[in-house]
Amino acid sequence: MPRPRNERQALEQELAELPEQIAAYQRELAATPVENRARREMREWQIRRDSERGDCRGAGALDGRYARL
């Protein structure tokens, strides 16, 4: 896939990929044994982090932040 032409397109592409990334983390979390606490905590943190990124980077946030580009 060609690289995005500017920062706005890169952020839009990243936003579009977040649901797939979160689903992959959730599958890994489900497959991780309960005894492996460190790995489970890492996956839970990644899910929270990406969920928050998706919430704050809606189209409105991009329009306001990168309108000058």
C-alpha atoms as a PDB file:
ATOM      1  CA  MET A   1       0.000   0.000   0.000  1.00  0.00           C
ATOM      2  CA  PRO A   2       1.387   3.436  -0.867  1.00  0.00           C
ATOM      3  CA  ARG A   3       2.276   5.794   1.935  1.00  0.00           C
ATOM      4  CA  PRO A   4      -0.195   8.557   2.788  1.00  0.00           C
ATOM      5  CA  ARG A   5       0.660  11.879   1.201  1.00  0.00           C
ATOM      6  CA  ASN A   6       0.361  13.983   4.336  1.00  0.00           C
ATOM      7  CA  GLU A   7      -0.092  13.800   8.088  1.00  0.00           C
ATOM      8  CA  ARG A   8      -3.875  14.103   7.938  1.00  0.00           C
ATOM      9  CA  GLN A   9      -4.152  11.108   5.626  1.00  0.00           C
ATOM     10  CA  ALA A  10      -1.791   9.141   7.860  1.00  0.00           C
ATOM     11  CA  LEU A  11      -4.000   9.871  10.900  1.00  0.00           C
ATOM     12  CA  GLU A  12      -7.160   8.962   9.001  1.00  0.00           C
ATOM     13  CA  GLN A  13      -5.580   5.676   7.919  1.00  0.00           C
ATOM     14  CA  GLU A  14      -4.485   4.943  11.491  1.00  0.00           C
ATOM     15  CA  LEU A  15      -8.002   5.679  12.743  1.00  0.00           C
ATOM     16  CA  ALA A  16      -9.482   3.305  10.171  1.00  0.00           C
ATOM     17  CA  GLU A  17      -7.132   0.522  11.327  1.00  0.00           C
ATOM     18  CA  LEU A  18      -7.887   0.862  15.060  1.00  0.00           C
ATOM     19  CA  PRO A  19     -10.966  -1.423  15.224  1.00  0.00           C
ATOM     20  CA  GLU A  20      -9.022  -4.263  13.595  1.00  0.00           C
ATOM     21  CA  GLN A  21      -6.083  -3.703  15.937  1.00  0.00           C
ATOM     22  CA  ILE A  22      -8.321  -3.697  19.018  1.00  0.00           C
ATOM     23  CA  ALA A  23     -10.008  -6.921  17.865  1.00  0.00           C
ATOM     24  CA  ALA A  24      -6.597  -8.580  17.473  1.00  0.00           C
ATOM     25  CA  TYR A  25      -5.614  -7.524  21.012  1.00  0.00           C
ATOM     26  CA  GLN A  26      -8.904  -8.898  22.358  1.00  0.00           C
ATOM     27  CA  ARG A  27      -8.301 -12.245  20.629  1.00  0.00           C
ATOM     28  CA  GLU A  28      -4.794 -12.392  22.101  1.00  0.00           C
ATOM     29  CA  LEU A  29      -6.170 -11.525  25.536  1.00  0.00           C
ATOM     30  CA  ALA A  30      -8.746 -14.300  25.289  1.00  0.00           C
ATOM     31  CA  ALA A  31      -6.016 -16.779  24.312  1.00  0.00           C
ATOM     32  CA  THR A  32      -3.669 -15.720  27.143  1.00  0.00           C
ATOM     33  CA  PRO A  33      -3.781 -17.949  30.229  1.00  0.00           C
ATOM     34  CA  VAL A  34      -5.051 -16.329  33.420  1.00  0.00           C
ATOM     35  CA  GLU A  35      -1.783 -17.282  35.127  1.00  0.00           C
ATOM     36  CA  ASN A  36       0.187 -14.979  32.813  1.00  0.00           C
ATOM     37  CA  ARG A  37      -0.789 -11.762  34.577  1.00  0.00           C
ATOM     38  CA  ALA A  38       1.841  -9.489  33.000  1.00  0.00           C
ATOM     39  CA  ARG A  39       0.849 -10.386  29.443  1.00  0.00           C
ATOM     40  CA  ARG A  40      -2.871  -9.999  30.229  1.00  0.00           C
ATOM     41  CA  GLU A  41      -2.285  -6.575  31.779  1.00  0.00           C
ATOM     42  CA  MET A  42      -0.298  -5.495  28.716  1.00  0.00           C
ATOM     43  CA  ARG A  43      -3.107  -6.557  26.349  1.00  0.00           C
ATOM     44  CA  GLU A  44      -5.726  -4.833  28.528  1.00  0.00           C
ATOM     45  CA  TRP A  45      -3.647  -1.657  28.503  1.00  0.00           C
ATOM     46  CA  GLN A  46      -3.269  -1.807  24.705  1.00  0.00           C
ATOM     47  CA  ILE A  47      -7.025  -2.228  24.285  1.00  0.00           C
ATOM     48  CA  ARG A  48      -7.723   0.765  26.568  1.00  0.00           C
ATOM     49  CA  ARG A  49      -5.093   2.905  24.846  1.00  0.00           C
ATOM     50  CA  ASP A  50      -6.359   2.211  21.335  1.00  0.00           C
ATOM     51  CA  SER A  51      -9.991   2.607  22.378  1.00  0.00           C
ATOM     52  CA  GLU A  52      -9.191   6.040  23.793  1.00  0.00           C
ATOM     53  CA  ARG A  53      -7.280   6.991  20.650  1.00  0.00           C
ATOM     54  CA  GLY A  54     -10.290   6.062  18.556  1.00  0.00           C
ATOM     55  CA  ASP A  55     -12.612   8.134  20.738  1.00  0.00           C
ATOM     56  CA  CYS A  56     -10.551  11.322  20.591  1.00  0.00           C
ATOM     57  CA  ARG A  57      -9.582  11.151  16.918  1.00  0.00           C
ATOM     58  CA  GLY A  58     -12.933  11.441  15.242  1.00  0.00           C
ATOM     59  CA  ALA A  59     -13.392  13.361  12.019  1.00  0.00           C
ATOM     60  CA  GLY A  60     -14.170  16.524  13.984  1.00  0.00           C
ATOM     61  CA  ALA A  61     -10.911  16.322  15.907  1.00  0.00           C
ATOM     62  CA  LEU A  62      -8.978  15.918  12.673  1.00  0.00           C
ATOM     63  CA  ASP A  63     -10.777  18.811  11.017  1.00  0.00           C
ATOM     64  CA  GLY A  64     -10.037  21.167  13.881  1.00  0.00           C
ATOM     65  CA  ARG A  65      -6.473  20.100  14.518  1.00  0.00           C
ATOM     66  CA  TYR A  66      -5.267  19.824  10.939  1.00  0.00           C
ATOM     67  CA  ALA A  67      -7.363  22.410   9.157  1.00  0.00           C
ATOM     68  CA  ARG A  68      -4.243  24.451   8.516  1.00  0.00           C
ATOM     69  CA  LEU A  69      -2.506  21.622   6.613  1.00  0.00           C
END
